[in-house]
Amino acid sequence: MEEREPESPICQSCGMPMHLEEDFGSNGDGSTNFDYCQFCFKNGYFTIPDLTMEQQIERLVDIGVSTLNMPEDKAREMAENTLPGLKRWQSL
């Protein structure tokens, strides 16, 4: 059986893979938050606290198209399939 390296954790708000220490968010006491990335969570708070899942999907579509050169329909499909399973959006 082939051994696989463990997958990088992903942000539980946006789905971004977090590979490096600086990718992770921070808690109010300055410690590392291992659930959320630095773009979504800083100093113990969400950077956009009132963000809806639908707005997050649109943000991710924009990033996928403009930064990752993905077709819009593929970026939207990935965001719509990923976000509902993430911790931030579970209780909605």
PDB file of N, CA and C in Angstrom:
ATOM      1  N   MET A   1       0.837  -1.170   0.000  1.00  0.00           N
ATOM      2  CA  MET A   1       0.000   0.000   0.000  1.00  0.00           C
ATOM      3  C   MET A   1       0.893   1.248   0.000  1.00  0.00           C
ATOM      4  N   GLU A   2       0.604   2.183  -0.899  1.00  0.00           N
ATOM      5  CA  GLU A   2       1.400   3.400  -1.018  1.00  0.00           C
ATOM      6  C   GLU A   2       1.051   4.370   0.107  1.00  0.00           C
ATOM      7  N   GLU A   3       2.093   4.920   0.735  1.00  0.00           N
ATOM      8  CA  GLU A   3       1.874   5.881   1.806  1.00  0.00           C
ATOM      9  C   GLU A   3       1.740   7.267   1.205  1.00  0.00           C
ATOM     10  N   ARG A   4       0.708   7.992   1.643  1.00  0.00           N
ATOM     11  CA  ARG A   4       0.482   9.347   1.143  1.00  0.00           C
ATOM     12  C   ARG A   4       0.847  10.347   2.228  1.00  0.00           C
ATOM     13  N   GLU A   5       1.357  11.501   1.779  1.00  0.00           N
ATOM     14  CA  GLU A   5       1.608  12.573   2.724  1.00  0.00           C
ATOM     15  C   GLU A   5       0.261  13.129   3.158  1.00  0.00           C
ATOM     16  N   PRO A   6       0.152  13.564   4.408  1.00  0.00           N
ATOM     17  CA  PRO A   6      -1.109  14.143   4.838  1.00  0.00           C
ATOM     18  C   PRO A   6      -1.403  15.412   4.062  1.00  0.00           C
ATOM     19  N   GLU A   7      -2.680  15.639   3.801  1.00  0.00           N
ATOM     20  CA  GLU A   7      -3.073  16.841   3.079  1.00  0.00           C
ATOM     21  C   GLU A   7      -2.900  18.048   3.980  1.00  0.00           C
ATOM     22  N   SER A   8      -2.617  19.184   3.357  1.00  0.00           N
ATOM     23  CA  SER A   8      -2.539  20.426   4.117  1.00  0.00           C
ATOM     24  C   SER A   8      -3.919  20.762   4.641  1.00  0.00           C
ATOM     25  N   PRO A   9      -3.982  21.363   5.822  1.00  0.00           N
ATOM     26  CA  PRO A   9      -5.291  21.803   6.303  1.00  0.00           C
ATOM     27  C   PRO A   9      -5.804  22.913   5.393  1.00  0.00           C
ATOM     28  N   ILE A  10      -7.109  23.061   5.348  1.00  0.00           N
ATOM     29  CA  ILE A  10      -7.686  24.143   4.564  1.00  0.00           C
ATOM     30  C   ILE A  10      -8.452  25.070   5.497  1.00  0.00           C
ATOM     31  N   CYS A  11      -8.517  26.322   5.103  1.00  0.00           N
ATOM     32  CA  CYS A  11      -9.257  27.310   5.873  1.00  0.00           C
ATOM     33  C   CYS A  11     -10.719  26.895   5.926  1.00  0.00           C
ATOM     34  N   GLN A  12     -11.282  26.939   7.115  1.00  0.00           N
ATOM     35  CA  GLN A  12     -12.666  26.525   7.323  1.00  0.00           C
ATOM     36  C   GLN A  12     -13.659  27.648   7.034  1.00  0.00           C
ATOM     37  N   SER A  13     -13.183  28.689   6.347  1.00  0.00           N
ATOM     38  CA  SER A  13     -14.052  29.765   5.883  1.00  0.00           C
ATOM     39  C   SER A  13     -14.013  29.884   4.360  1.00  0.00           C
ATOM     40  N   CYS A  14     -12.799  29.811   3.780  1.00  0.00           N
ATOM     41  CA  CYS A  14     -12.674  30.008   2.335  1.00  0.00           C
ATOM     42  C   CYS A  14     -12.152  28.793   1.583  1.00  0.00           C
ATOM     43  N   GLY A  15     -11.588  27.818   2.283  1.00  0.00           N
ATOM     44  CA  GLY A  15     -11.084  26.614   1.627  1.00  0.00           C
ATOM     45  C   GLY A  15      -9.654  26.711   1.144  1.00  0.00           C
ATOM     46  N   MET A  16      -8.969  27.805   1.444  1.00  0.00           N
ATOM     47  CA  MET A  16      -7.582  27.967   1.003  1.00  0.00           C
ATOM     48  C   MET A  16      -6.686  26.950   1.702  1.00  0.00           C
ATOM     49  N   PRO A  17      -5.844  26.235   0.945  1.00  0.00           N
ATOM     50  CA  PRO A  17      -4.872  25.344   1.592  1.00  0.00           C
ATOM     51  C   PRO A  17      -3.883  26.183   2.392  1.00  0.00           C
ATOM     52  N   MET A  18      -3.552  25.711   3.582  1.00  0.00           N
ATOM     53  CA  MET A  18      -2.624  26.443   4.443  1.00  0.00           C
ATOM     54  C   MET A  18      -1.371  25.591   4.614  1.00  0.00           C
ATOM     55  N   HIS A  19      -0.309  25.999   3.935  1.00  0.00           N
ATOM     56  CA  HIS A  19       0.945  25.244   3.918  1.00  0.00           C
ATOM     57  C   HIS A  19       1.975  25.817   4.884  1.00  0.00           C
ATOM     58  N   LEU A  20       2.051  27.130   4.949  1.00  0.00           N
ATOM     59  CA  LEU A  20       3.089  27.814   5.714  1.00  0.00           C
ATOM     60  C   LEU A  20       2.516  28.402   6.990  1.00  0.00           C
ATOM     61  N   GLU A  21       3.374  28.609   7.965  1.00  0.00           N
ATOM     62  CA  GLU A  21       2.931  29.177   9.247  1.00  0.00           C
ATOM     63  C   GLU A  21       2.190  30.496   9.050  1.00  0.00           C
ATOM     64  N   GLU A  22       2.670  31.319   8.129  1.00  0.00           N
ATOM     65  CA  GLU A  22       2.039  32.623   7.914  1.00  0.00           C
ATOM     66  C   GLU A  22       0.692  32.535   7.186  1.00  0.00           C
ATOM     67  N   ASP A  23       0.335  31.368   6.681  1.00  0.00           N
ATOM     68  CA  ASP A  23      -0.979  31.191   6.052  1.00  0.00           C
ATOM     69  C   ASP A  23      -2.106  31.173   7.086  1.00  0.00           C
ATOM     70  N   PHE A  24      -1.784  30.765   8.314  1.00  0.00           N
ATOM     71  CA  PHE A  24      -2.804  30.576   9.340  1.00  0.00           C
ATOM     72  C   PHE A  24      -3.228  31.901   9.964  1.00  0.00           C
ATOM     73  N   GLY A  25      -4.470  31.938  10.434  1.00  0.00           N
ATOM     74  CA  GLY A  25      -4.987  33.105  11.128  1.00  0.00           C
ATOM     75  C   GLY A  25      -4.439  33.169  12.543  1.00  0.00           C
ATOM     76  N   SER A  26      -4.887  34.190  13.280  1.00  0.00           N
ATOM     77  CA  SER A  26      -4.403  34.366  14.649  1.00  0.00           C
ATOM     78  C   SER A  26      -5.564  34.539  15.621  1.00  0.00           C
ATOM     79  N   ASN A  27      -5.352  34.030  16.822  1.00  0.00           N
ATOM     80  CA  ASN A  27      -6.327  34.186  17.903  1.00  0.00           C
ATOM     81  C   ASN A  27      -6.090  35.526  18.597  1.00  0.00           C
ATOM     82  N   GLY A  28      -7.012  35.890  19.479  1.00  0.00           N
ATOM     83  CA  GLY A  28      -6.915  37.148  20.193  1.00  0.00           C
ATOM     84  C   GLY A  28      -5.655  37.289  21.025  1.00  0.00           C
ATOM     85  N   ASP A  29      -5.103  36.174  21.495  1.00  0.00           N
ATOM     86  CA  ASP A  29      -3.885  36.219  22.302  1.00  0.00           C
ATOM     87  C   ASP A  29      -2.613  36.140  21.453  1.00  0.00           C
ATOM     88  N   GLY A  30      -2.783  36.177  20.129  1.00  0.00           N
ATOM     89  CA  GLY A  30      -1.640  36.132  19.223  1.00  0.00           C
ATOM     90  C   GLY A  30      -1.218  34.738  18.813  1.00  0.00           C
ATOM     91  N   SER A  31      -1.816  33.715  19.403  1.00  0.00           N
ATOM     92  CA  SER A  31      -1.477  32.342  19.026  1.00  0.00           C
ATOM     93  C   SER A  31      -2.069  32.014  17.654  1.00  0.00           C
ATOM     94  N   THR A  32      -1.562  30.960  17.076  1.00  0.00           N
ATOM     95  CA  THR A  32      -2.012  30.540  15.751  1.00  0.00           C
ATOM     96  C   THR A  32      -3.396  29.915  15.828  1.00  0.00           C
ATOM     97  N   ASN A  33      -4.244  30.283  14.881  1.00  0.00           N
ATOM     98  CA  ASN A  33      -5.549  29.650  14.751  1.00  0.00           C
ATOM     99  C   ASN A  33      -5.428  28.656  13.602  1.00  0.00           C
ATOM    100  N   PHE A  34      -5.607  27.386  13.890  1.00  0.00           N
ATOM    101  CA  PHE A  34      -5.392  26.349  12.892  1.00  0.00           C
ATOM    102  C   PHE A  34      -6.627  26.057  12.041  1.00  0.00           C
ATOM    103  N   ASP A  35      -7.751  26.718  12.323  1.00  0.00           N
ATOM    104  CA  ASP A  35      -8.971  26.497  11.541  1.00  0.00           C
ATOM    105  C   ASP A  35      -9.110  27.461  10.369  1.00  0.00           C
ATOM    106  N   TYR A  36      -8.578  28.666  10.520  1.00  0.00           N
ATOM    107  CA  TYR A  36      -8.828  29.715   9.531  1.00  0.00           C
ATOM    108  C   TYR A  36      -7.536  30.364   9.040  1.00  0.00           C
ATOM    109  N   CYS A  37      -7.564  30.835   7.801  1.00  0.00           N
ATOM    110  CA  CYS A  37      -6.393  31.491   7.210  1.00  0.00           C
ATOM    111  C   CYS A  37      -6.296  32.947   7.669  1.00  0.00           C
ATOM    112  N   GLN A  38      -5.131  33.524   7.395  1.00  0.00           N
ATOM    113  CA  GLN A  38      -4.867  34.905   7.784  1.00  0.00           C
ATOM    114  C   GLN A  38      -5.782  35.903   7.082  1.00  0.00           C
ATOM    115  N   PHE A  39      -6.320  35.550   5.953  1.00  0.00           N
ATOM    116  CA  PHE A  39      -7.188  36.471   5.220  1.00  0.00           C
ATOM    117  C   PHE A  39      -8.606  36.482   5.790  1.00  0.00           C
ATOM    118  N   CYS A  40      -8.991  35.397   6.440  1.00  0.00           N
ATOM    119  CA  CYS A  40     -10.344  35.280   6.986  1.00  0.00           C
ATOM    120  C   CYS A  40     -10.425  35.558   8.483  1.00  0.00           C
ATOM    121  N   PHE A  41      -9.319  35.369   9.217  1.00  0.00           N
ATOM    122  CA  PHE A  41      -9.377  35.425  10.679  1.00  0.00           C
ATOM    123  C   PHE A  41      -8.104  36.038  11.250  1.00  0.00           C
ATOM    124  N   LYS A  42      -8.233  37.184  11.924  1.00  0.00           N
ATOM    125  CA  LYS A  42      -7.082  37.869  12.534  1.00  0.00           C
ATOM    126  C   LYS A  42      -7.448  38.332  13.925  1.00  0.00           C
ATOM    127  N   ASN A  43      -6.522  38.139  14.852  1.00  0.00           N
ATOM    128  CA  ASN A  43      -6.679  38.620  16.227  1.00  0.00           C
ATOM    129  C   ASN A  43      -7.967  38.136  16.890  1.00  0.00           C
ATOM    130  N   GLY A  44      -8.384  36.918  16.538  1.00  0.00           N
ATOM    131  CA  GLY A  44      -9.553  36.323  17.179  1.00  0.00           C
ATOM    132  C   GLY A  44     -10.888  36.667  16.546  1.00  0.00           C
ATOM    133  N   TYR A  45     -10.857  37.345  15.407  1.00  0.00           N
ATOM    134  CA  TYR A  45     -12.106  37.759  14.759  1.00  0.00           C
ATOM    135  C   TYR A  45     -12.063  37.483  13.257  1.00  0.00           C
ATOM    136  N   PHE A  46     -13.235  37.221  12.684  1.00  0.00           N
ATOM    137  CA  PHE A  46     -13.308  37.136  11.232  1.00  0.00           C
ATOM    138  C   PHE A  46     -13.042  38.519  10.657  1.00  0.00           C
ATOM    139  N   THR A  47     -12.286  38.583   9.581  1.00  0.00           N
ATOM    140  CA  THR A  47     -11.954  39.867   8.973  1.00  0.00           C
ATOM    141  C   THR A  47     -13.181  40.521   8.341  1.00  0.00           C
ATOM    142  N   ILE A  48     -14.143  39.714   7.911  1.00  0.00           N
ATOM    143  CA  ILE A  48     -15.423  40.231   7.404  1.00  0.00           C
ATOM    144  C   ILE A  48     -16.511  39.476   8.168  1.00  0.00           C
ATOM    145  N   PRO A  49     -16.871  39.971   9.354  1.00  0.00           N
ATOM    146  CA  PRO A  49     -17.756  39.211  10.240  1.00  0.00           C
ATOM    147  C   PRO A  49     -19.161  38.946   9.693  1.00  0.00           C
ATOM    148  N   ASP A  50     -19.698  39.835   8.910  1.00  0.00           N
ATOM    149  CA  ASP A  50     -21.065  39.673   8.416  1.00  0.00           C
ATOM    150  C   ASP A  50     -21.143  39.015   7.037  1.00  0.00           C
ATOM    151  N   LEU A  51     -20.043  38.472   6.580  1.00  0.00           N
ATOM    152  CA  LEU A  51     -19.982  37.826   5.272  1.00  0.00           C
ATOM    153  C   LEU A  51     -20.935  36.636   5.216  1.00  0.00           C
ATOM    154  N   THR A  52     -21.706  36.557   4.159  1.00  0.00           N
ATOM    155  CA  THR A  52     -22.581  35.399   3.971  1.00  0.00           C
ATOM    156  C   THR A  52     -21.855  34.361   3.120  1.00  0.00           C
ATOM    157  N   MET A  53     -22.351  33.140   3.139  1.00  0.00           N
ATOM    158  CA  MET A  53     -21.745  32.107   2.312  1.00  0.00           C
ATOM    159  C   MET A  53     -21.856  32.482   0.835  1.00  0.00           C
ATOM    160  N   GLU A  54     -22.956  33.066   0.437  1.00  0.00           N
ATOM    161  CA  GLU A  54     -23.130  33.469  -0.959  1.00  0.00           C
ATOM    162  C   GLU A  54     -22.096  34.526  -1.358  1.00  0.00           C
ATOM    163  N   GLN A  55     -21.835  35.473  -0.456  1.00  0.00           N
ATOM    164  CA  GLN A  55     -20.816  36.489  -0.737  1.00  0.00           C
ATOM    165  C   GLN A  55     -19.428  35.860  -0.806  1.00  0.00           C
ATOM    166  N   GLN A  56     -19.167  34.895   0.061  1.00  0.00           N
ATOM    167  CA  GLN A  56     -17.878  34.207   0.039  1.00  0.00           C
ATOM    168  C   GLN A  56     -17.714  33.448  -1.275  1.00  0.00           C
ATOM    169  N   ILE A  57     -18.770  32.830  -1.746  1.00  0.00           N
ATOM    170  CA  ILE A  57     -18.712  32.131  -3.037  1.00  0.00           C
ATOM    171  C   ILE A  57     -18.316  33.110  -4.138  1.00  0.00           C
ATOM    172  N   GLU A  58     -18.956  34.285  -4.164  1.00  0.00           N
ATOM    173  CA  GLU A  58     -18.635  35.279  -5.191  1.00  0.00           C
ATOM    174  C   GLU A  58     -17.186  35.742  -5.078  1.00  0.00           C
ATOM    175  N   ARG A  59     -16.694  35.911  -3.853  1.00  0.00           N
ATOM    176  CA  ARG A  59     -15.299  36.307  -3.656  1.00  0.00           C
ATOM    177  C   ARG A  59     -14.363  35.238  -4.220  1.00  0.00           C
ATOM    178  N   LEU A  60     -14.682  33.976  -3.948  1.00  0.00           N
ATOM    179  CA  LEU A  60     -13.830  32.890  -4.423  1.00  0.00           C
ATOM    180  C   LEU A  60     -13.881  32.737  -5.935  1.00  0.00           C
ATOM    181  N   VAL A  61     -15.041  32.971  -6.518  1.00  0.00           N
ATOM    182  CA  VAL A  61     -15.151  32.933  -7.982  1.00  0.00           C
ATOM    183  C   VAL A  61     -14.243  34.008  -8.581  1.00  0.00           C
ATOM    184  N   ASP A  62     -14.291  35.218  -8.021  1.00  0.00           N
ATOM    185  CA  ASP A  62     -13.435  36.306  -8.512  1.00  0.00           C
ATOM    186  C   ASP A  62     -11.953  35.946  -8.411  1.00  0.00           C
ATOM    187  N   ILE A  63     -11.559  35.361  -7.273  1.00  0.00           N
ATOM    188  CA  ILE A  63     -10.162  34.960  -7.089  1.00  0.00           C
ATOM    189  C   ILE A  63      -9.787  33.857  -8.076  1.00  0.00           C
ATOM    190  N   GLY A  64     -10.665  32.885  -8.246  1.00  0.00           N
ATOM    191  CA  GLY A  64     -10.391  31.792  -9.173  1.00  0.00           C
ATOM    192  C   GLY A  64     -10.189  32.281 -10.598  1.00  0.00           C
ATOM    193  N   VAL A  65     -11.033  33.207 -11.015  1.00  0.00           N
ATOM    194  CA  VAL A  65     -10.954  33.724 -12.387  1.00  0.00           C
ATOM    195  C   VAL A  65      -9.754  34.652 -12.560  1.00  0.00           C
ATOM    196  N   SER A  66      -9.606  35.624 -11.653  1.00  0.00           N
ATOM    197  CA  SER A  66      -8.577  36.651 -11.844  1.00  0.00           C
ATOM    198  C   SER A  66      -7.171  36.190 -11.456  1.00  0.00           C
ATOM    199  N   THR A  67      -7.050  35.386 -10.422  1.00  0.00           N
ATOM    200  CA  THR A  67      -5.726  34.994  -9.937  1.00  0.00           C
ATOM    201  C   THR A  67      -5.292  33.621 -10.437  1.00  0.00           C
ATOM    202  N   LEU A  68      -6.222  32.690 -10.493  1.00  0.00           N
ATOM    203  CA  LEU A  68      -5.879  31.319 -10.874  1.00  0.00           C
ATOM    204  C   LEU A  68      -6.206  30.993 -12.324  1.00  0.00           C
ATOM    205  N   ASN A  69      -6.744  31.983 -13.039  1.00  0.00           N
ATOM    206  CA  ASN A  69      -7.096  31.822 -14.460  1.00  0.00           C
ATOM    207  C   ASN A  69      -8.043  30.652 -14.712  1.00  0.00           C
ATOM    208  N   MET A  70      -8.982  30.443 -13.796  1.00  0.00           N
ATOM    209  CA  MET A  70      -9.964  29.370 -13.956  1.00  0.00           C
ATOM    210  C   MET A  70     -11.160  29.895 -14.744  1.00  0.00           C
ATOM    211  N   PRO A  71     -11.814  29.023 -15.493  1.00  0.00           N
ATOM    212  CA  PRO A  71     -13.084  29.429 -16.096  1.00  0.00           C
ATOM    213  C   PRO A  71     -14.090  29.715 -14.965  1.00  0.00           C
ATOM    214  N   GLU A  72     -14.947  30.702 -15.154  1.00  0.00           N
ATOM    215  CA  GLU A  72     -15.875  31.109 -14.103  1.00  0.00           C
ATOM    216  C   GLU A  72     -16.768  29.961 -13.642  1.00  0.00           C
ATOM    217  N   ASP A  73     -17.259  29.149 -14.569  1.00  0.00           N
ATOM    218  CA  ASP A  73     -18.156  28.063 -14.173  1.00  0.00           C
ATOM    219  C   ASP A  73     -17.437  27.020 -13.312  1.00  0.00           C
ATOM    220  N   LYS A  74     -16.174  26.761 -13.591  1.00  0.00           N
ATOM    221  CA  LYS A  74     -15.388  25.811 -12.792  1.00  0.00           C
ATOM    222  C   LYS A  74     -15.114  26.384 -11.399  1.00  0.00           C
ATOM    223  N   ALA A  75     -14.757  27.665 -11.334  1.00  0.00           N
ATOM    224  CA  ALA A  75     -14.505  28.314 -10.041  1.00  0.00           C
ATOM    225  C   ALA A  75     -15.773  28.312  -9.189  1.00  0.00           C
ATOM    226  N   ARG A  76     -16.910  28.597  -9.803  1.00  0.00           N
ATOM    227  CA  ARG A  76     -18.181  28.616  -9.078  1.00  0.00           C
ATOM    228  C   ARG A  76     -18.541  27.214  -8.574  1.00  0.00           C
ATOM    229  N   GLU A  77     -18.356  26.217  -9.412  1.00  0.00           N
ATOM    230  CA  GLU A  77     -18.655  24.836  -9.023  1.00  0.00           C
ATOM    231  C   GLU A  77     -17.797  24.411  -7.828  1.00  0.00           C
ATOM    232  N   MET A  78     -16.511  24.734  -7.871  1.00  0.00           N
ATOM    233  CA  MET A  78     -15.620  24.378  -6.761  1.00  0.00           C
ATOM    234  C   MET A  78     -16.054  25.071  -5.470  1.00  0.00           C
ATOM    235  N   ALA A  79     -16.349  26.364  -5.547  1.00  0.00           N
ATOM    236  CA  ALA A  79     -16.752  27.118  -4.353  1.00  0.00           C
ATOM    237  C   ALA A  79     -18.076  26.594  -3.800  1.00  0.00           C
ATOM    238  N   GLU A  80     -19.032  26.358  -4.667  1.00  0.00           N
ATOM    239  CA  GLU A  80     -20.345  25.882  -4.223  1.00  0.00           C
ATOM    240  C   GLU A  80     -20.284  24.478  -3.633  1.00  0.00           C
ATOM    241  N   ASN A  81     -19.350  23.664  -4.099  1.00  0.00           N
ATOM    242  CA  ASN A  81     -19.201  22.308  -3.566  1.00  0.00           C
ATOM    243  C   ASN A  81     -18.389  22.261  -2.281  1.00  0.00           C
ATOM    244  N   THR A  82     -17.479  23.212  -2.098  1.00  0.00           N
ATOM    245  CA  THR A  82     -16.577  23.201  -0.948  1.00  0.00           C
ATOM    246  C   THR A  82     -17.148  23.929   0.268  1.00  0.00           C
ATOM    247  N   LEU A  83     -17.647  25.126   0.087  1.00  0.00           N
ATOM    248  CA  LEU A  83     -18.021  25.967   1.224  1.00  0.00           C
ATOM    249  C   LEU A  83     -19.063  25.369   2.167  1.00  0.00           C
ATOM    250  N   PRO A  84     -20.119  24.744   1.694  1.00  0.00           N
ATOM    251  CA  PRO A  84     -21.119  24.231   2.642  1.00  0.00           C
ATOM    252  C   PRO A  84     -20.559  23.225   3.644  1.00  0.00           C
ATOM    253  N   GLY A  85     -19.461  22.576   3.332  1.00  0.00           N
ATOM    254  CA  GLY A  85     -18.870  21.596   4.240  1.00  0.00           C
ATOM    255  C   GLY A  85     -17.870  22.179   5.225  1.00  0.00           C
ATOM    256  N   LEU A  86     -17.586  23.483   5.129  1.00  0.00           N
ATOM    257  CA  LEU A  86     -16.598  24.101   6.007  1.00  0.00           C
ATOM    258  C   LEU A  86     -17.229  24.576   7.309  1.00  0.00           C
ATOM    259  N   LYS A  87     -16.421  24.551   8.361  1.00  0.00           N
ATOM    260  CA  LYS A  87     -16.872  24.849   9.728  1.00  0.00           C
ATOM    261  C   LYS A  87     -17.648  26.167   9.845  1.00  0.00           C
ATOM    262  N   ARG A  88     -17.158  27.235   9.216  1.00  0.00           N
ATOM    263  CA  ARG A  88     -17.827  28.538   9.352  1.00  0.00           C
ATOM    264  C   ARG A  88     -19.250  28.510   8.850  1.00  0.00           C
ATOM    265  N   TRP A  89     -19.535  27.700   7.864  1.00  0.00           N
ATOM    266  CA  TRP A  89     -20.840  27.726   7.210  1.00  0.00           C
ATOM    267  C   TRP A  89     -21.760  26.595   7.676  1.00  0.00           C
ATOM    268  N   GLN A  90     -21.279  25.739   8.559  1.00  0.00           N
ATOM    269  CA  GLN A  90     -22.065  24.601   9.024  1.00  0.00           C
ATOM    270  C   GLN A  90     -23.327  24.987   9.784  1.00  0.00           C
ATOM    271  N   SER A  91     -23.256  26.040  10.582  1.00  0.00           N
ATOM    272  CA  SER A  91     -24.381  26.388  11.438  1.00  0.00           C
ATOM    273  C   SER A  91     -25.405  27.286  10.744  1.00  0.00           C
ATOM    274  N   LEU A  92     -25.174  27.583   9.482  1.00  0.00           N
ATOM    275  CA  LEU A  92     -26.097  28.485   8.767  1.00  0.00           C
ATOM    276  C   LEU A  92     -27.252  27.722   8.151  1.00  0.00           C
TER     277      LEU A  92
END
